[in-house]
Amino acid sequence: MRWSPEPEQPAVSVTDLFGEVIHGYSRADALADGALVAVGDDIAREAGFGVPVALTAAAWADCVAWTDEDNRQTYQDESGRLWDVLWMTRYAIRLSEGGSSCTVELYRVPRDGESHESEQTWLLATCGPDDEGEPVITISLPDED
């Protein structure tokens, strides 16, 4: 008996399988409503990134956000804290063995109103597509989706 290939079936779209999309939430939506915080292209490029970078609101609040009130603990500023996140993320990516994500080890002063010394924390850097399919990097806390 000879093998013969199956006749080609017409492509089935996602809409054919599941129906119309009820609700969509895009990266642009997340940036607009503050769930993601975009990093400026200039500082991202200076840190060695060739694609857009954003942090989740939780990662920003934990590792970047800093106010004048926080300076009573120890003097820092958001631009310096952001640079630390970007630099250590770039370093972690260079050391990673490939794949679409890597863990980032970071030492930062917590915003607890008391700490003066940096403490270890972890972030997750993930490279994936934006709404048009172009590569972007998202930095999040490890337990965020």
N, C-alpha and C. Protein backbone atom coordinates (compact mmCIF):
# COMPACT_ATOMS: atom_id res chain seq x y z
N MET A 1 0.84 -1.16 0.00
CA MET A 1 0.00 0.00 0.00
C MET A 1 0.89 1.23 0.00
N ARG A 2 0.54 2.17 -0.80
CA ARG A 2 1.29 3.41 -0.89
C ARG A 2 0.68 4.44 0.04
N TRP A 3 1.57 5.26 0.58
CA TRP A 3 1.10 6.37 1.42
C TRP A 3 0.79 7.55 0.54
N SER A 4 -0.30 8.18 0.80
CA SER A 4 -0.59 9.41 0.08
C SER A 4 -0.95 10.48 1.11
N PRO A 5 -0.48 11.68 0.87
CA PRO A 5 -0.74 12.74 1.85
C PRO A 5 -2.22 13.07 1.93
N GLU A 6 -2.59 13.51 3.12
CA GLU A 6 -3.97 13.96 3.32
C GLU A 6 -4.20 15.19 2.46
N PRO A 7 -5.39 15.33 1.93
CA PRO A 7 -5.65 16.57 1.20
C PRO A 7 -5.58 17.76 2.16
N GLU A 8 -5.07 18.86 1.67
CA GLU A 8 -4.93 20.04 2.54
C GLU A 8 -6.29 20.53 2.98
N GLN A 9 -6.36 20.80 4.27
CA GLN A 9 -7.59 21.34 4.86
C GLN A 9 -7.49 22.86 4.88
N PRO A 10 -8.60 23.53 4.74
CA PRO A 10 -8.54 24.99 4.83
C PRO A 10 -8.11 25.41 6.24
N ALA A 11 -7.36 26.47 6.32
CA ALA A 11 -6.90 26.97 7.62
C ALA A 11 -8.11 27.39 8.46
N VAL A 12 -8.03 27.06 9.74
CA VAL A 12 -9.09 27.42 10.67
C VAL A 12 -8.59 28.57 11.52
N SER A 13 -9.36 29.63 11.59
CA SER A 13 -8.94 30.79 12.37
C SER A 13 -9.32 30.59 13.83
N VAL A 14 -8.70 31.37 14.68
CA VAL A 14 -9.01 31.33 16.11
C VAL A 14 -10.48 31.71 16.31
N THR A 15 -10.96 32.66 15.54
CA THR A 15 -12.36 33.08 15.65
C THR A 15 -13.29 31.93 15.28
N ASP A 16 -12.91 31.13 14.26
CA ASP A 16 -13.73 29.98 13.89
C ASP A 16 -13.80 28.98 15.05
N LEU A 17 -12.71 28.82 15.76
CA LEU A 17 -12.68 27.85 16.86
C LEU A 17 -13.40 28.36 18.11
N PHE A 18 -13.15 29.61 18.47
CA PHE A 18 -13.62 30.11 19.76
C PHE A 18 -14.69 31.19 19.67
N GLY A 19 -14.95 31.73 18.51
CA GLY A 19 -15.92 32.81 18.38
C GLY A 19 -15.25 34.16 18.49
N GLU A 20 -16.07 35.20 18.47
CA GLU A 20 -15.56 36.57 18.54
C GLU A 20 -14.92 36.85 19.90
N VAL A 21 -13.92 37.71 19.90
CA VAL A 21 -13.27 38.12 21.13
C VAL A 21 -14.25 38.97 21.94
N ILE A 22 -14.43 38.59 23.20
CA ILE A 22 -15.34 39.34 24.07
C ILE A 22 -14.65 40.59 24.59
N HIS A 23 -13.41 40.43 25.03
CA HIS A 23 -12.66 41.55 25.56
C HIS A 23 -11.18 41.29 25.33
N GLY A 24 -10.46 42.30 24.89
CA GLY A 24 -9.02 42.19 24.70
C GLY A 24 -8.31 43.23 25.55
N TYR A 25 -7.13 42.87 26.03
CA TYR A 25 -6.32 43.79 26.84
C TYR A 25 -4.93 43.77 26.26
N SER A 26 -4.56 44.84 25.61
CA SER A 26 -3.29 44.90 24.89
C SER A 26 -2.19 45.51 25.75
N ARG A 27 -0.97 45.42 25.26
CA ARG A 27 0.15 46.08 25.92
C ARG A 27 -0.07 47.59 25.96
N ALA A 28 -0.62 48.13 24.88
CA ALA A 28 -0.91 49.57 24.85
C ALA A 28 -1.93 49.93 25.94
N ASP A 29 -2.92 49.07 26.15
CA ASP A 29 -3.89 49.29 27.23
C ASP A 29 -3.19 49.30 28.58
N ALA A 30 -2.28 48.33 28.79
CA ALA A 30 -1.56 48.22 30.06
C ALA A 30 -0.68 49.45 30.30
N LEU A 31 -0.07 49.97 29.26
CA LEU A 31 0.74 51.19 29.39
C LEU A 31 -0.15 52.40 29.68
N ALA A 32 -1.30 52.45 29.02
CA ALA A 32 -2.21 53.59 29.20
C ALA A 32 -2.82 53.64 30.60
N ASP A 33 -3.13 52.46 31.16
CA ASP A 33 -3.78 52.48 32.47
C ASP A 33 -2.82 52.33 33.65
N GLY A 34 -1.52 52.26 33.36
CA GLY A 34 -0.53 52.24 34.43
C GLY A 34 -0.14 50.86 34.93
N ALA A 35 -0.69 49.80 34.36
CA ALA A 35 -0.28 48.45 34.76
C ALA A 35 1.17 48.19 34.33
N LEU A 36 1.59 48.85 33.26
CA LEU A 36 2.99 48.83 32.82
C LEU A 36 3.50 50.26 32.80
N VAL A 37 4.78 50.42 33.15
CA VAL A 37 5.44 51.73 33.12
C VAL A 37 6.54 51.66 32.07
N ALA A 38 6.42 52.47 31.03
CA ALA A 38 7.42 52.46 29.96
C ALA A 38 8.70 53.13 30.43
N VAL A 39 9.82 52.54 30.03
CA VAL A 39 11.14 53.12 30.28
C VAL A 39 11.46 53.99 29.07
N GLY A 40 11.99 55.16 29.29
CA GLY A 40 12.36 56.04 28.18
C GLY A 40 13.34 55.37 27.23
N ASP A 41 13.15 55.60 25.94
CA ASP A 41 14.02 54.98 24.94
C ASP A 41 15.48 55.36 25.13
N ASP A 42 15.75 56.61 25.52
CA ASP A 42 17.14 57.06 25.67
C ASP A 42 17.87 56.29 26.76
N ILE A 43 17.26 56.16 27.94
CA ILE A 43 17.94 55.46 29.03
C ILE A 43 18.02 53.96 28.75
N ALA A 44 16.99 53.41 28.10
CA ALA A 44 17.03 51.99 27.74
C ALA A 44 18.16 51.73 26.75
N ARG A 45 18.30 52.59 25.76
CA ARG A 45 19.37 52.44 24.77
C ARG A 45 20.74 52.60 25.43
N GLU A 46 20.86 53.58 26.34
CA GLU A 46 22.12 53.80 27.04
C GLU A 46 22.52 52.59 27.87
N ALA A 47 21.52 51.88 28.41
CA ALA A 47 21.79 50.68 29.20
C ALA A 47 22.04 49.46 28.32
N GLY A 48 21.90 49.60 27.01
CA GLY A 48 22.23 48.51 26.10
C GLY A 48 21.05 47.78 25.50
N PHE A 49 19.85 48.30 25.67
CA PHE A 49 18.67 47.64 25.11
C PHE A 49 18.36 48.21 23.74
N GLY A 50 18.09 47.33 22.80
CA GLY A 50 17.73 47.74 21.45
C GLY A 50 16.24 47.63 21.17
N VAL A 51 15.48 47.26 22.19
CA VAL A 51 14.03 47.13 22.05
C VAL A 51 13.37 47.90 23.20
N PRO A 52 12.09 48.25 23.06
CA PRO A 52 11.41 48.95 24.15
C PRO A 52 11.36 48.11 25.43
N VAL A 53 11.44 48.79 26.56
CA VAL A 53 11.44 48.14 27.88
C VAL A 53 10.34 48.78 28.72
N ALA A 54 9.64 47.95 29.49
CA ALA A 54 8.64 48.44 30.44
C ALA A 54 8.73 47.59 31.70
N LEU A 55 8.35 48.20 32.82
CA LEU A 55 8.26 47.49 34.09
C LEU A 55 6.80 47.40 34.49
N THR A 56 6.44 46.32 35.16
CA THR A 56 5.09 46.27 35.72
C THR A 56 5.00 47.31 36.82
N ALA A 57 3.79 47.74 37.13
CA ALA A 57 3.60 48.73 38.19
C ALA A 57 4.15 48.23 39.51
N ALA A 58 4.00 46.94 39.79
CA ALA A 58 4.50 46.38 41.05
C ALA A 58 6.03 46.38 41.09
N ALA A 59 6.68 46.03 39.98
CA ALA A 59 8.14 46.05 39.93
C ALA A 59 8.65 47.49 40.06
N TRP A 60 7.97 48.43 39.42
CA TRP A 60 8.35 49.84 39.53
C TRP A 60 8.23 50.30 40.98
N ALA A 61 7.10 49.99 41.62
CA ALA A 61 6.87 50.42 43.00
C ALA A 61 7.90 49.83 43.96
N ASP A 62 8.30 48.60 43.72
CA ASP A 62 9.23 47.93 44.63
C ASP A 62 10.69 48.34 44.40
N CYS A 63 11.07 48.54 43.15
CA CYS A 63 12.50 48.69 42.85
C CYS A 63 12.91 50.05 42.29
N VAL A 64 11.97 50.86 41.82
CA VAL A 64 12.33 52.14 41.21
C VAL A 64 11.76 53.32 41.97
N ALA A 65 10.49 53.27 42.31
CA ALA A 65 9.82 54.42 42.93
C ALA A 65 10.58 54.91 44.16
N TRP A 66 10.71 56.24 44.26
CA TRP A 66 11.43 56.87 45.38
C TRP A 66 10.97 58.31 45.48
N THR A 67 10.65 58.76 46.67
CA THR A 67 10.14 60.12 46.85
C THR A 67 11.07 60.90 47.77
N ASP A 68 10.82 62.19 47.89
CA ASP A 68 11.58 63.01 48.83
C ASP A 68 11.41 62.49 50.25
N GLU A 69 10.24 62.01 50.56
CA GLU A 69 10.00 61.44 51.89
C GLU A 69 10.88 60.21 52.13
N ASP A 70 11.09 59.39 51.09
CA ASP A 70 11.96 58.22 51.21
C ASP A 70 13.40 58.63 51.47
N ASN A 71 13.79 59.83 51.07
CA ASN A 71 15.17 60.28 51.27
C ASN A 71 15.53 60.44 52.73
N ARG A 72 14.56 60.40 53.62
CA ARG A 72 14.88 60.43 55.05
C ARG A 72 15.59 59.13 55.45
N GLN A 73 15.32 58.06 54.73
CA GLN A 73 16.01 56.79 54.98
C GLN A 73 17.45 56.87 54.51
N THR A 74 17.59 57.13 53.24
CA THR A 74 18.89 57.24 52.58
C THR A 74 18.67 57.96 51.27
N TYR A 75 19.64 58.76 50.86
CA TYR A 75 19.42 59.55 49.66
C TYR A 75 19.59 58.70 48.41
N GLN A 76 18.54 58.67 47.61
CA GLN A 76 18.55 58.04 46.29
C GLN A 76 17.57 58.82 45.42
N ASP A 77 17.51 58.46 44.15
CA ASP A 77 16.47 59.03 43.31
C ASP A 77 15.99 57.98 42.32
N GLU A 78 14.84 58.25 41.72
CA GLU A 78 14.25 57.27 40.81
C GLU A 78 15.14 56.99 39.61
N SER A 79 15.79 58.00 39.07
CA SER A 79 16.61 57.76 37.88
C SER A 79 17.77 56.81 38.20
N GLY A 80 18.37 56.96 39.37
CA GLY A 80 19.45 56.06 39.77
C GLY A 80 18.95 54.65 40.02
N ARG A 81 17.79 54.55 40.67
CA ARG A 81 17.22 53.23 40.93
C ARG A 81 16.80 52.54 39.63
N LEU A 82 16.25 53.32 38.68
CA LEU A 82 15.90 52.76 37.38
C LEU A 82 17.15 52.28 36.65
N TRP A 83 18.21 53.08 36.70
CA TRP A 83 19.46 52.67 36.05
C TRP A 83 19.94 51.34 36.63
N ASP A 84 19.88 51.18 37.95
CA ASP A 84 20.31 49.93 38.58
C ASP A 84 19.49 48.75 38.05
N VAL A 85 18.18 48.93 37.95
CA VAL A 85 17.31 47.85 37.44
C VAL A 85 17.69 47.51 36.00
N LEU A 86 17.86 48.53 35.16
CA LEU A 86 18.19 48.28 33.76
C LEU A 86 19.57 47.64 33.61
N TRP A 87 20.54 48.14 34.35
CA TRP A 87 21.91 47.62 34.24
C TRP A 87 21.96 46.16 34.68
N MET A 88 21.33 45.85 35.80
CA MET A 88 21.35 44.47 36.29
C MET A 88 20.52 43.55 35.41
N THR A 89 19.47 44.08 34.80
CA THR A 89 18.68 43.28 33.86
C THR A 89 19.51 42.96 32.63
N ARG A 90 20.19 43.95 32.10
CA ARG A 90 21.05 43.73 30.93
C ARG A 90 22.15 42.72 31.26
N TYR A 91 22.73 42.83 32.44
CA TYR A 91 23.76 41.90 32.89
C TYR A 91 23.20 40.48 32.97
N ALA A 92 22.02 40.32 33.56
CA ALA A 92 21.40 39.00 33.69
C ALA A 92 21.09 38.40 32.32
N ILE A 93 20.65 39.22 31.39
CA ILE A 93 20.36 38.73 30.04
C ILE A 93 21.64 38.23 29.38
N ARG A 94 22.73 38.97 29.55
CA ARG A 94 24.01 38.55 28.95
C ARG A 94 24.51 37.24 29.53
N LEU A 95 24.24 37.01 30.82
CA LEU A 95 24.68 35.77 31.45
C LEU A 95 23.73 34.60 31.21
N SER A 96 22.53 34.89 30.76
CA SER A 96 21.53 33.83 30.60
C SER A 96 21.92 32.91 29.45
N GLU A 97 21.32 31.74 29.48
CA GLU A 97 21.63 30.73 28.48
C GLU A 97 20.60 30.70 27.36
N GLY A 98 20.01 31.82 27.08
CA GLY A 98 19.00 31.87 26.02
C GLY A 98 17.61 31.73 26.60
N GLY A 99 16.66 31.62 25.73
CA GLY A 99 15.27 31.54 26.16
C GLY A 99 14.63 32.91 26.15
N SER A 100 13.37 32.96 26.51
CA SER A 100 12.65 34.22 26.44
C SER A 100 12.59 34.96 27.76
N SER A 101 13.09 34.36 28.84
CA SER A 101 13.07 35.06 30.13
C SER A 101 14.28 34.67 30.97
N CYS A 102 14.60 35.53 31.92
CA CYS A 102 15.68 35.24 32.86
C CYS A 102 15.40 35.96 34.18
N THR A 103 15.95 35.42 35.24
CA THR A 103 15.81 36.06 36.55
C THR A 103 16.91 37.10 36.70
N VAL A 104 16.58 38.15 37.43
CA VAL A 104 17.49 39.26 37.64
C VAL A 104 17.68 39.43 39.14
N GLU A 105 18.92 39.34 39.60
CA GLU A 105 19.24 39.58 41.00
C GLU A 105 19.53 41.07 41.16
N LEU A 106 18.90 41.68 42.15
CA LEU A 106 19.04 43.11 42.35
C LEU A 106 19.10 43.41 43.84
N TYR A 107 19.97 44.33 44.21
CA TYR A 107 20.00 44.83 45.59
C TYR A 107 19.48 46.25 45.56
N ARG A 108 18.45 46.50 46.35
CA ARG A 108 17.86 47.84 46.42
C ARG A 108 17.43 48.11 47.86
N VAL A 109 17.42 49.40 48.22
CA VAL A 109 16.95 49.80 49.55
C VAL A 109 15.42 49.74 49.52
N PRO A 110 14.81 48.94 50.40
CA PRO A 110 13.35 48.87 50.41
C PRO A 110 12.73 50.19 50.87
N ARG A 111 11.52 50.45 50.42
CA ARG A 111 10.80 51.67 50.79
C ARG A 111 9.96 51.41 52.03
N ASP A 112 10.58 51.01 53.10
CA ASP A 112 9.83 50.69 54.32
C ASP A 112 9.89 51.79 55.37
N GLY A 113 10.57 52.89 55.05
CA GLY A 113 10.66 54.00 55.99
C GLY A 113 11.74 53.84 57.04
N GLU A 114 12.43 52.70 57.05
CA GLU A 114 13.43 52.43 58.08
C GLU A 114 14.78 51.99 57.54
N SER A 115 14.79 51.22 56.45
CA SER A 115 16.03 50.60 55.96
C SER A 115 17.00 51.64 55.43
N HIS A 116 18.28 51.39 55.69
CA HIS A 116 19.36 52.22 55.17
C HIS A 116 20.28 51.41 54.27
N GLU A 117 20.16 50.10 54.35
CA GLU A 117 21.01 49.19 53.58
C GLU A 117 20.19 48.51 52.50
N SER A 118 20.87 48.19 51.40
CA SER A 118 20.18 47.50 50.32
C SER A 118 19.93 46.04 50.69
N GLU A 119 18.88 45.50 50.14
CA GLU A 119 18.51 44.10 50.36
C GLU A 119 18.29 43.44 49.01
N GLN A 120 18.54 42.14 48.99
CA GLN A 120 18.40 41.38 47.75
C GLN A 120 16.92 41.20 47.39
N THR A 121 16.64 41.32 46.12
CA THR A 121 15.32 41.00 45.59
C THR A 121 15.53 40.40 44.20
N TRP A 122 14.48 39.84 43.66
CA TRP A 122 14.56 39.20 42.34
C TRP A 122 13.50 39.79 41.42
N LEU A 123 13.86 39.92 40.17
CA LEU A 123 12.95 40.36 39.13
C LEU A 123 12.97 39.32 38.02
N LEU A 124 12.02 39.40 37.13
CA LEU A 124 11.95 38.52 35.97
C LEU A 124 11.91 39.39 34.72
N ALA A 125 12.84 39.17 33.81
CA ALA A 125 12.86 39.89 32.53
C ALA A 125 12.38 38.93 31.45
N THR A 126 11.37 39.36 30.71
CA THR A 126 10.78 38.51 29.67
C THR A 126 10.77 39.27 28.35
N CYS A 127 11.26 38.61 27.31
CA CYS A 127 11.21 39.17 25.97
C CYS A 127 10.04 38.51 25.24
N GLY A 128 9.16 39.32 24.72
CA GLY A 128 8.01 38.80 24.00
C GLY A 128 7.54 39.83 22.99
N PRO A 129 6.43 39.53 22.32
CA PRO A 129 5.94 40.45 21.30
C PRO A 129 5.08 41.57 21.88
N ASP A 130 5.13 42.73 21.22
CA ASP A 130 4.18 43.79 21.57
C ASP A 130 2.90 43.55 20.77
N ASP A 131 2.05 44.52 20.71
CA ASP A 131 0.76 44.36 20.04
C ASP A 131 0.88 44.16 18.53
N GLU A 132 2.00 44.58 17.95
CA GLU A 132 2.23 44.40 16.52
C GLU A 132 3.19 43.26 16.23
N GLY A 133 3.60 42.53 17.26
CA GLY A 133 4.50 41.40 17.07
C GLY A 133 5.97 41.75 17.16
N GLU A 134 6.30 43.00 17.45
CA GLU A 134 7.70 43.42 17.57
C GLU A 134 8.22 43.05 18.97
N PRO A 135 9.52 42.74 19.10
CA PRO A 135 10.05 42.34 20.41
C PRO A 135 10.09 43.50 21.41
N VAL A 136 9.74 43.19 22.64
CA VAL A 136 9.79 44.12 23.76
C VAL A 136 10.23 43.34 24.99
N ILE A 137 10.76 44.05 25.98
CA ILE A 137 11.14 43.43 27.24
C ILE A 137 10.25 43.97 28.33
N THR A 138 9.74 43.05 29.14
CA THR A 138 8.92 43.41 30.29
C THR A 138 9.62 42.90 31.54
N ILE A 139 9.82 43.79 32.51
CA ILE A 139 10.46 43.44 33.78
C ILE A 139 9.37 43.42 34.84
N SER A 140 9.28 42.29 35.54
CA SER A 140 8.21 42.11 36.52
C SER A 140 8.76 41.47 37.78
N LEU A 141 7.92 41.42 38.80
CA LEU A 141 8.25 40.63 39.98
C LEU A 141 8.07 39.17 39.59
N PRO A 142 8.81 38.25 40.21
CA PRO A 142 8.76 36.84 39.78
C PRO A 142 7.38 36.20 39.88
N ASP A 143 6.53 36.67 40.79
CA ASP A 143 5.22 36.03 40.97
C ASP A 143 4.10 36.68 40.16
N GLU A 144 4.44 37.61 39.29
CA GLU A 144 3.41 38.24 38.45
C GLU A 144 3.24 37.46 37.15
N ASP A 145 2.02 37.50 36.61
CA ASP A 145 1.76 36.86 35.31
C ASP A 145 2.05 37.83 34.20
